[in-house]
Amino acid sequence: MGKVCITATKYFLFLFNLLFFIFGALIMGFGLWILLDNQSFLAVLQDSSTALKVGSYILIGVGGFSMLMGFLGCMGAIYEIRCLLGLYFACLLIILIAQVVAVVLIYLQRDLLRKEANNIVSKVVASYHGQNRTTEQALDYIQRTMQCCGWNGRLDWSNNQVIMNSSQMLYPCSCRNTSIPGDNGTDSGFCEAQSPDWPIYNTGCIVSVESWLFTNYGVILGICLGVAVIELLGMILSLGLCKSVHQEDYTKVPKY
């Protein structure tokens, strides 16, 4: 490989590792968002699901490791360090295999994940007391902004302990249909209905939430696909540069 090709490979590898570093930062940022966000559907799940918390820590770890790999790849490319390029290639291969396995597992377990989400939200609805806990605030936010009530529908709230044990006709304030004339009340807790026909939305949040999740899955898969392409290109370039450095070192060895 000529000197010009080696130089071009070095800078292309540096560029791809810079992009790899950026994508790693995005993955870590998404993991931090899942862990720290208090106003989304994920906040309802993470307070009751250990799996989602573990998943967020995994995303943070993968993102941080990807950033480290991007940095090491840049250093190996600029300074033409063979051992660092070889380590970089091996780590990229392991990461790529792990990503493929993770995507396959998520796809195969999608029904189980949906069932777990259904069970978690049903428990949150049943134990809702309007005490402004993180999960209750997230549930109120979802119902209010998505204009829905309950997971499968308004009947989910018939299992709520406060509503069942109250002598008044209570309903969740965040479910109130704002298009119906009357006092809008508060945005959380329970409101008193004037008749058995609650002035609330009848549709469940499952359709809106799944649409939201599908939209975000598209973003996640897009980021993962971009990372995978950069990983493949990085592997090809690092392998080529490593061979070129080896050939240059071989030609520099004095012959007797």
C-alpha atoms as a PDB file:
ATOM      1  CA  MET A   1       0.000   0.000   0.000  1.00  0.00           C
ATOM      2  CA  GLY A   2       1.386   3.376  -1.014  1.00  0.00           C
ATOM      3  CA  LYS A   3       2.149   6.217   1.323  1.00  0.00           C
ATOM      4  CA  VAL A   4      -0.842   8.203   0.071  1.00  0.00           C
ATOM      5  CA  CYS A   5      -3.199   5.267   0.689  1.00  0.00           C
ATOM      6  CA  ILE A   6      -1.848   4.771   4.194  1.00  0.00           C
ATOM      7  CA  THR A   7      -2.325   8.447   5.008  1.00  0.00           C
ATOM      8  CA  ALA A   8      -5.871   8.399   3.586  1.00  0.00           C
ATOM      9  CA  THR A   9      -6.685   5.256   5.601  1.00  0.00           C
ATOM     10  CA  LYS A  10      -5.368   6.883   8.767  1.00  0.00           C
ATOM     11  CA  TYR A  11      -7.565   9.914   8.431  1.00  0.00           C
ATOM     12  CA  PHE A  12     -10.623   7.949   7.325  1.00  0.00           C
ATOM     13  CA  LEU A  13     -10.191   5.696  10.346  1.00  0.00           C
ATOM     14  CA  PHE A  14      -9.843   8.766  12.552  1.00  0.00           C
ATOM     15  CA  LEU A  15     -13.050  10.202  11.087  1.00  0.00           C
ATOM     16  CA  PHE A  16     -15.023   6.987  11.573  1.00  0.00           C
ATOM     17  CA  ASN A  17     -13.820   6.664  15.146  1.00  0.00           C
ATOM     18  CA  LEU A  18     -14.875  10.234  15.795  1.00  0.00           C
ATOM     19  CA  LEU A  19     -18.364   9.330  14.562  1.00  0.00           C
ATOM     20  CA  PHE A  20     -18.220   6.158  16.643  1.00  0.00           C
ATOM     21  CA  PHE A  21     -17.378   8.300  19.672  1.00  0.00           C
ATOM     22  CA  ILE A  22     -20.387  10.532  18.952  1.00  0.00           C
ATOM     23  CA  PHE A  23     -22.764   7.584  18.537  1.00  0.00           C
ATOM     24  CA  GLY A  24     -21.457   6.147  21.807  1.00  0.00           C
ATOM     25  CA  ALA A  25     -22.255   9.444  23.494  1.00  0.00           C
ATOM     26  CA  LEU A  26     -25.803   9.290  22.065  1.00  0.00           C
ATOM     27  CA  ILE A  27     -26.321   5.752  23.384  1.00  0.00           C
ATOM     28  CA  MET A  28     -25.038   6.723  26.822  1.00  0.00           C
ATOM     29  CA  GLY A  29     -27.253   9.812  26.769  1.00  0.00           C
ATOM     30  CA  PHE A  30     -30.288   7.694  25.941  1.00  0.00           C
ATOM     31  CA  GLY A  31     -29.484   5.363  28.839  1.00  0.00           C
ATOM     32  CA  LEU A  32     -29.184   8.335  31.192  1.00  0.00           C
ATOM     33  CA  TRP A  33     -32.506   9.689  29.889  1.00  0.00           C
ATOM     34  CA  ILE A  34     -34.256   6.397  30.682  1.00  0.00           C
ATOM     35  CA  LEU A  35     -32.715   6.376  34.155  1.00  0.00           C
ATOM     36  CA  LEU A  36     -33.363  10.015  35.082  1.00  0.00           C
ATOM     37  CA  ASP A  37     -36.499  11.024  33.156  1.00  0.00           C
ATOM     38  CA  ASN A  38     -39.544  11.413  35.404  1.00  0.00           C
ATOM     39  CA  GLN A  39     -42.157  12.480  32.855  1.00  0.00           C
ATOM     40  CA  SER A  40     -42.513   9.633  30.385  1.00  0.00           C
ATOM     41  CA  PHE A  41     -43.973   6.167  30.176  1.00  0.00           C
ATOM     42  CA  LEU A  42     -40.545   4.727  30.963  1.00  0.00           C
ATOM     43  CA  ALA A  43     -40.690   6.370  34.391  1.00  0.00           C
ATOM     44  CA  VAL A  44     -43.777   4.272  35.157  1.00  0.00           C
ATOM     45  CA  LEU A  45     -41.935   1.120  34.177  1.00  0.00           C
ATOM     46  CA  GLN A  46     -38.550   1.772  35.755  1.00  0.00           C
ATOM     47  CA  ASP A  47     -39.968   2.222  39.258  1.00  0.00           C
ATOM     48  CA  SER A  48     -41.412  -1.296  39.095  1.00  0.00           C
ATOM     49  CA  SER A  49     -39.184  -3.097  36.610  1.00  0.00           C
ATOM     50  CA  THR A  50     -35.673  -4.142  37.526  1.00  0.00           C
ATOM     51  CA  ALA A  51     -35.095  -5.236  33.932  1.00  0.00           C
ATOM     52  CA  LEU A  52     -35.542  -1.691  32.595  1.00  0.00           C
ATOM     53  CA  LYS A  53     -33.140  -0.277  35.180  1.00  0.00           C
ATOM     54  CA  VAL A  54     -30.578  -2.917  34.286  1.00  0.00           C
ATOM     55  CA  GLY A  55     -31.133  -2.146  30.614  1.00  0.00           C
ATOM     56  CA  SER A  56     -30.497   1.562  31.186  1.00  0.00           C
ATOM     57  CA  TYR A  57     -27.241   0.772  33.006  1.00  0.00           C
ATOM     58  CA  ILE A  58     -26.245  -1.507  30.130  1.00  0.00           C
ATOM     59  CA  LEU A  59     -26.894   1.288  27.623  1.00  0.00           C
ATOM     60  CA  ILE A  60     -24.800   3.670  29.714  1.00  0.00           C
ATOM     61  CA  GLY A  61     -22.002   1.110  29.924  1.00  0.00           C
ATOM     62  CA  VAL A  62     -22.118   0.321  26.206  1.00  0.00           C
ATOM     63  CA  GLY A  63     -22.149   4.019  25.333  1.00  0.00           C
ATOM     64  CA  GLY A  64     -19.217   4.759  27.614  1.00  0.00           C
ATOM     65  CA  PHE A  65     -17.255   1.800  26.282  1.00  0.00           C
ATOM     66  CA  SER A  66     -18.001   2.872  22.712  1.00  0.00           C
ATOM     67  CA  MET A  67     -16.680   6.343  23.478  1.00  0.00           C
ATOM     68  CA  LEU A  68     -13.523   4.797  24.911  1.00  0.00           C
ATOM     69  CA  MET A  69     -13.119   2.591  21.846  1.00  0.00           C
ATOM     70  CA  GLY A  70     -13.569   5.582  19.572  1.00  0.00           C
ATOM     71  CA  PHE A  71     -10.861   7.448  21.451  1.00  0.00           C
ATOM     72  CA  LEU A  72      -8.449   4.502  21.334  1.00  0.00           C
ATOM     73  CA  GLY A  73      -9.181   3.991  17.643  1.00  0.00           C
ATOM     74  CA  CYS A  74      -8.321   7.600  16.929  1.00  0.00           C
ATOM     75  CA  MET A  75      -5.056   7.289  18.856  1.00  0.00           C
ATOM     76  CA  GLY A  76      -4.144   4.027  17.136  1.00  0.00           C
ATOM     77  CA  ALA A  77      -4.844   5.477  13.707  1.00  0.00           C
ATOM     78  CA  ILE A  78      -2.893   8.695  14.194  1.00  0.00           C
ATOM     79  CA  TYR A  79       0.172   7.090  15.805  1.00  0.00           C
ATOM     80  CA  GLU A  80      -0.010   3.798  13.812  1.00  0.00           C
ATOM     81  CA  ILE A  81       0.261   1.542  16.881  1.00  0.00           C
ATOM     82  CA  ARG A  82      -0.223  -2.040  15.690  1.00  0.00           C
ATOM     83  CA  CYS A  83      -1.146  -3.600  19.029  1.00  0.00           C
ATOM     84  CA  LEU A  84      -3.697  -0.879  19.671  1.00  0.00           C
ATOM     85  CA  LEU A  85      -5.191  -1.332  16.192  1.00  0.00           C
ATOM     86  CA  GLY A  86      -5.398  -5.096  16.726  1.00  0.00           C
ATOM     87  CA  LEU A  87      -7.072  -4.642  20.116  1.00  0.00           C
ATOM     88  CA  TYR A  88      -9.418  -2.125  18.583  1.00  0.00           C
ATOM     89  CA  PHE A  89     -10.396  -4.590  15.815  1.00  0.00           C
ATOM     90  CA  ALA A  90     -11.033  -7.416  18.329  1.00  0.00           C
ATOM     91  CA  CYS A  91     -13.161  -5.227  20.588  1.00  0.00           C
ATOM     92  CA  LEU A  92     -15.230  -3.972  17.651  1.00  0.00           C
ATOM     93  CA  LEU A  93     -15.890  -7.548  16.582  1.00  0.00           C
ATOM     94  CA  ILE A  94     -17.055  -8.489  20.095  1.00  0.00           C
ATOM     95  CA  ILE A  95     -19.306  -5.421  20.317  1.00  0.00           C
ATOM     96  CA  LEU A  96     -20.851  -6.132  16.920  1.00  0.00           C
ATOM     97  CA  ILE A  97     -21.634  -9.735  17.864  1.00  0.00           C
ATOM     98  CA  ALA A  98     -23.116  -8.607  21.200  1.00  0.00           C
ATOM     99  CA  GLN A  99     -25.353  -6.070  19.427  1.00  0.00           C
ATOM    100  CA  VAL A 100     -26.695  -8.692  17.020  1.00  0.00           C
ATOM    101  CA  VAL A 101     -27.429 -11.078  19.910  1.00  0.00           C
ATOM    102  CA  ALA A 102     -29.193  -8.303  21.877  1.00  0.00           C
ATOM    103  CA  VAL A 103     -31.412  -7.334  18.919  1.00  0.00           C
ATOM    104  CA  VAL A 104     -32.379 -10.973  18.335  1.00  0.00           C
ATOM    105  CA  LEU A 105     -33.229 -11.494  22.021  1.00  0.00           C
ATOM    106  CA  ILE A 106     -35.362  -8.335  22.143  1.00  0.00           C
ATOM    107  CA  TYR A 107     -37.230  -9.399  19.003  1.00  0.00           C
ATOM    108  CA  LEU A 108     -37.881 -12.913  20.323  1.00  0.00           C
ATOM    109  CA  GLN A 109     -39.003 -11.644  23.747  1.00  0.00           C
ATOM    110  CA  ARG A 110     -41.208  -8.783  22.487  1.00  0.00           C
ATOM    111  CA  ASP A 111     -44.453 -10.472  23.620  1.00  0.00           C
ATOM    112  CA  LEU A 112     -43.020 -11.088  27.076  1.00  0.00           C
ATOM    113  CA  LEU A 113     -41.918  -7.452  27.327  1.00  0.00           C
ATOM    114  CA  ARG A 114     -45.386  -6.272  26.302  1.00  0.00           C
ATOM    115  CA  LYS A 115     -47.005  -8.520  28.911  1.00  0.00           C
ATOM    116  CA  GLU A 116     -44.643  -7.259  31.612  1.00  0.00           C
ATOM    117  CA  ALA A 117     -45.444  -3.651  30.709  1.00  0.00           C
ATOM    118  CA  ASN A 118     -49.170  -4.432  30.913  1.00  0.00           C
ATOM    119  CA  ASN A 119     -48.780  -5.998  34.362  1.00  0.00           C
ATOM    120  CA  ILE A 120     -46.640  -3.123  35.666  1.00  0.00           C
ATOM    121  CA  VAL A 121     -49.018  -0.365  34.536  1.00  0.00           C
ATOM    122  CA  SER A 122     -52.022  -2.305  35.892  1.00  0.00           C
ATOM    123  CA  LYS A 123     -50.339  -2.461  39.309  1.00  0.00           C
ATOM    124  CA  VAL A 124     -49.579   1.260  39.193  1.00  0.00           C
ATOM    125  CA  VAL A 125     -53.220   2.046  38.386  1.00  0.00           C
ATOM    126  CA  ALA A 126     -54.508  -0.256  41.147  1.00  0.00           C
ATOM    127  CA  SER A 127     -52.190   1.273  43.789  1.00  0.00           C
ATOM    128  CA  TYR A 128     -52.565   4.903  42.652  1.00  0.00           C
ATOM    129  CA  HIS A 129     -53.238   7.217  45.624  1.00  0.00           C
ATOM    130  CA  GLY A 130     -52.494  10.648  44.148  1.00  0.00           C
ATOM    131  CA  GLN A 131     -49.463  11.165  46.370  1.00  0.00           C
ATOM    132  CA  ASN A 132     -47.276  12.669  43.603  1.00  0.00           C
ATOM    133  CA  ARG A 133     -44.845   9.779  43.511  1.00  0.00           C
ATOM    134  CA  THR A 134     -42.638   9.533  40.428  1.00  0.00           C
ATOM    135  CA  THR A 135     -44.720   6.751  38.872  1.00  0.00           C
ATOM    136  CA  GLU A 136     -47.995   8.531  39.645  1.00  0.00           C
ATOM    137  CA  GLN A 137     -46.749  11.801  38.171  1.00  0.00           C
ATOM    138  CA  ALA A 138     -45.644   9.972  35.026  1.00  0.00           C
ATOM    139  CA  LEU A 139     -49.010   8.208  34.747  1.00  0.00           C
ATOM    140  CA  ASP A 140     -50.867  11.503  35.143  1.00  0.00           C
ATOM    141  CA  TYR A 141     -48.652  13.102  32.521  1.00  0.00           C
ATOM    142  CA  ILE A 142     -49.288  10.288  30.028  1.00  0.00           C
ATOM    143  CA  GLN A 143     -53.057  10.287  30.491  1.00  0.00           C
ATOM    144  CA  ARG A 144     -53.276  14.053  30.327  1.00  0.00           C
ATOM    145  CA  THR A 145     -51.043  14.604  27.283  1.00  0.00           C
ATOM    146  CA  MET A 146     -52.124  11.518  25.322  1.00  0.00           C
ATOM    147  CA  GLN A 147     -55.800  12.038  26.176  1.00  0.00           C
ATOM    148  CA  CYS A 148     -56.363   8.479  27.347  1.00  0.00           C
ATOM    149  CA  CYS A 149     -57.366   6.671  30.507  1.00  0.00           C
ATOM    150  CA  GLY A 150     -55.966   3.463  31.919  1.00  0.00           C
ATOM    151  CA  TRP A 151     -53.863   0.955  30.012  1.00  0.00           C
ATOM    152  CA  ASN A 152     -56.567  -0.920  28.121  1.00  0.00           C
ATOM    153  CA  GLY A 153     -59.334   1.555  28.912  1.00  0.00           C
ATOM    154  CA  ARG A 154     -61.205   3.393  31.642  1.00  0.00           C
ATOM    155  CA  LEU A 155     -62.324   0.115  33.233  1.00  0.00           C
ATOM    156  CA  ASP A 156     -58.771  -0.424  34.489  1.00  0.00           C
ATOM    157  CA  TRP A 157     -59.494   2.191  37.143  1.00  0.00           C
ATOM    158  CA  SER A 158     -62.322   0.075  38.569  1.00  0.00           C
ATOM    159  CA  ASN A 159     -59.561  -1.933  40.296  1.00  0.00           C
ATOM    160  CA  ASN A 160     -58.119   1.122  42.021  1.00  0.00           C
ATOM    161  CA  GLN A 161     -58.220   0.741  45.814  1.00  0.00           C
ATOM    162  CA  VAL A 162     -59.134   4.362  46.543  1.00  0.00           C
ATOM    163  CA  ILE A 163     -62.040   4.399  44.087  1.00  0.00           C
ATOM    164  CA  MET A 164     -63.302   1.017  45.279  1.00  0.00           C
ATOM    165  CA  ASN A 165     -63.245   1.997  48.966  1.00  0.00           C
ATOM    166  CA  SER A 166     -64.640   5.503  48.572  1.00  0.00           C
ATOM    167  CA  SER A 167     -68.297   6.384  49.148  1.00  0.00           C
ATOM    168  CA  GLN A 168     -67.948   9.197  46.616  1.00  0.00           C
ATOM    169  CA  MET A 169     -67.922   8.871  42.834  1.00  0.00           C
ATOM    170  CA  LEU A 170     -64.223   9.481  42.266  1.00  0.00           C
ATOM    171  CA  TYR A 171     -62.256   9.365  39.030  1.00  0.00           C
ATOM    172  CA  PRO A 172     -58.628  10.211  38.135  1.00  0.00           C
ATOM    173  CA  CYS A 173     -58.348  13.919  37.365  1.00  0.00           C
ATOM    174  CA  SER A 174     -55.693  13.368  34.702  1.00  0.00           C
ATOM    175  CA  CYS A 175     -58.228  11.332  32.701  1.00  0.00           C
ATOM    176  CA  ARG A 176     -60.706  14.206  32.479  1.00  0.00           C
ATOM    177  CA  ASN A 177     -61.917  14.966  28.967  1.00  0.00           C
ATOM    178  CA  THR A 178     -61.215  18.673  28.609  1.00  0.00           C
ATOM    179  CA  SER A 179     -63.656  18.928  25.688  1.00  0.00           C
ATOM    180  CA  ILE A 180     -66.551  18.314  28.083  1.00  0.00           C
ATOM    181  CA  PRO A 181     -67.783  21.586  29.668  1.00  0.00           C
ATOM    182  CA  GLY A 182     -67.318  21.875  33.386  1.00  0.00           C
ATOM    183  CA  ASP A 183     -64.708  22.394  36.060  1.00  0.00           C
ATOM    184  CA  ASN A 184     -61.380  20.968  34.908  1.00  0.00           C
ATOM    185  CA  GLY A 185     -60.187  20.578  38.486  1.00  0.00           C
ATOM    186  CA  THR A 186     -56.573  19.577  39.067  1.00  0.00           C
ATOM    187  CA  ASP A 187     -54.178  17.642  36.865  1.00  0.00           C
ATOM    188  CA  SER A 188     -53.507  14.872  39.371  1.00  0.00           C
ATOM    189  CA  GLY A 189     -55.150  12.950  42.166  1.00  0.00           C
ATOM    190  CA  PHE A 190     -58.884  12.214  42.235  1.00  0.00           C
ATOM    191  CA  CYS A 191     -61.865  14.343  41.286  1.00  0.00           C
ATOM    192  CA  GLU A 192     -65.508  13.853  42.279  1.00  0.00           C
ATOM    193  CA  ALA A 193     -67.975  13.080  39.512  1.00  0.00           C
ATOM    194  CA  GLN A 194     -71.508  14.477  39.562  1.00  0.00           C
ATOM    195  CA  SER A 195     -72.936  11.359  37.910  1.00  0.00           C
ATOM    196  CA  PRO A 196     -71.898   7.717  37.364  1.00  0.00           C
ATOM    197  CA  ASP A 197     -70.863   8.692  33.841  1.00  0.00           C
ATOM    198  CA  TRP A 198     -67.329   9.959  34.403  1.00  0.00           C
ATOM    199  CA  PRO A 199     -66.316  12.940  32.191  1.00  0.00           C
ATOM    200  CA  ILE A 200     -63.139  11.172  31.066  1.00  0.00           C
ATOM    201  CA  TYR A 201     -61.517   9.739  27.955  1.00  0.00           C
ATOM    202  CA  ASN A 202     -62.713   6.248  27.094  1.00  0.00           C
ATOM    203  CA  THR A 203     -59.733   5.037  25.095  1.00  0.00           C
ATOM    204  CA  GLY A 204     -56.811   3.259  26.729  1.00  0.00           C
ATOM    205  CA  CYS A 205     -53.245   4.510  26.593  1.00  0.00           C
ATOM    206  CA  ILE A 206     -51.866   1.312  25.072  1.00  0.00           C
ATOM    207  CA  VAL A 207     -52.289   2.494  21.465  1.00  0.00           C
ATOM    208  CA  SER A 208     -50.671   5.890  22.057  1.00  0.00           C
ATOM    209  CA  VAL A 209     -47.894   4.446  24.208  1.00  0.00           C
ATOM    210  CA  GLU A 210     -47.074   1.696  21.725  1.00  0.00           C
ATOM    211  CA  SER A 211     -46.989   4.291  18.953  1.00  0.00           C
ATOM    212  CA  TRP A 212     -44.628   6.382  21.059  1.00  0.00           C
ATOM    213  CA  LEU A 213     -42.448   3.380  21.814  1.00  0.00           C
ATOM    214  CA  PHE A 214     -42.426   2.360  18.156  1.00  0.00           C
ATOM    215  CA  THR A 215     -41.277   5.832  17.174  1.00  0.00           C
ATOM    216  CA  ASN A 216     -38.471   5.717  19.714  1.00  0.00           C
ATOM    217  CA  TYR A 217     -37.573   2.163  18.727  1.00  0.00           C
ATOM    218  CA  GLY A 218     -37.045   3.512  15.231  1.00  0.00           C
ATOM    219  CA  VAL A 219     -34.633   6.107  16.605  1.00  0.00           C
ATOM    220  CA  ILE A 220     -32.833   3.480  18.685  1.00  0.00           C
ATOM    221  CA  LEU A 221     -32.572   1.029  15.798  1.00  0.00           C
ATOM    222  CA  GLY A 222     -31.393   3.820  13.519  1.00  0.00           C
ATOM    223  CA  ILE A 223     -28.637   4.720  15.977  1.00  0.00           C
ATOM    224  CA  CYS A 224     -27.680   1.045  16.398  1.00  0.00           C
ATOM    225  CA  LEU A 225     -27.608   0.538  12.630  1.00  0.00           C
ATOM    226  CA  GLY A 226     -25.413   3.601  12.207  1.00  0.00           C
ATOM    227  CA  VAL A 227     -23.090   2.323  14.934  1.00  0.00           C
ATOM    228  CA  ALA A 228     -22.936  -1.112  13.251  1.00  0.00           C
ATOM    229  CA  VAL A 229     -22.004   0.414   9.875  1.00  0.00           C
ATOM    230  CA  ILE A 230     -19.303   2.525  11.501  1.00  0.00           C
ATOM    231  CA  GLU A 231     -18.050  -0.552  13.356  1.00  0.00           C
ATOM    232  CA  LEU A 232     -17.740  -2.549  10.120  1.00  0.00           C
ATOM    233  CA  LEU A 233     -15.944   0.283   8.367  1.00  0.00           C
ATOM    234  CA  GLY A 234     -13.710   0.758  11.382  1.00  0.00           C
ATOM    235  CA  MET A 235     -12.843  -2.948  11.407  1.00  0.00           C
ATOM    236  CA  ILE A 236     -11.988  -2.916   7.698  1.00  0.00           C
ATOM    237  CA  LEU A 237      -9.884   0.235   7.937  1.00  0.00           C
ATOM    238  CA  SER A 238      -8.100  -0.829  11.130  1.00  0.00           C
ATOM    239  CA  LEU A 239      -7.249  -4.216   9.630  1.00  0.00           C
ATOM    240  CA  GLY A 240      -5.948  -2.595   6.449  1.00  0.00           C
ATOM    241  CA  LEU A 241      -3.907  -0.035   8.369  1.00  0.00           C
ATOM    242  CA  CYS A 242      -2.520  -2.709  10.670  1.00  0.00           C
ATOM    243  CA  LYS A 243      -1.328  -4.753   7.679  1.00  0.00           C
ATOM    244  CA  SER A 244       0.185  -1.672   6.089  1.00  0.00           C
ATOM    245  CA  VAL A 245       2.085  -0.811   9.257  1.00  0.00           C
ATOM    246  CA  HIS A 246       3.318  -4.406   9.452  1.00  0.00           C
ATOM    247  CA  GLN A 247       4.541  -4.296   5.850  1.00  0.00           C
ATOM    248  CA  GLU A 248       6.285  -0.977   6.444  1.00  0.00           C
ATOM    249  CA  ASP A 249       8.008  -2.353   9.534  1.00  0.00           C
ATOM    250  CA  TYR A 250       9.078  -5.409   7.568  1.00  0.00           C
ATOM    251  CA  THR A 251      10.568  -3.337   4.760  1.00  0.00           C
ATOM    252  CA  LYS A 252      12.470  -1.221   7.284  1.00  0.00           C
ATOM    253  CA  VAL A 253      14.247  -4.270   8.735  1.00  0.00           C
ATOM    254  CA  PRO A 254      17.875  -4.199   7.503  1.00  0.00           C
ATOM    255  CA  LYS A 255      18.895  -7.149   5.329  1.00  0.00           C
ATOM    256  CA  TYR A 256      22.345  -8.657   5.654  1.00  0.00           C
END
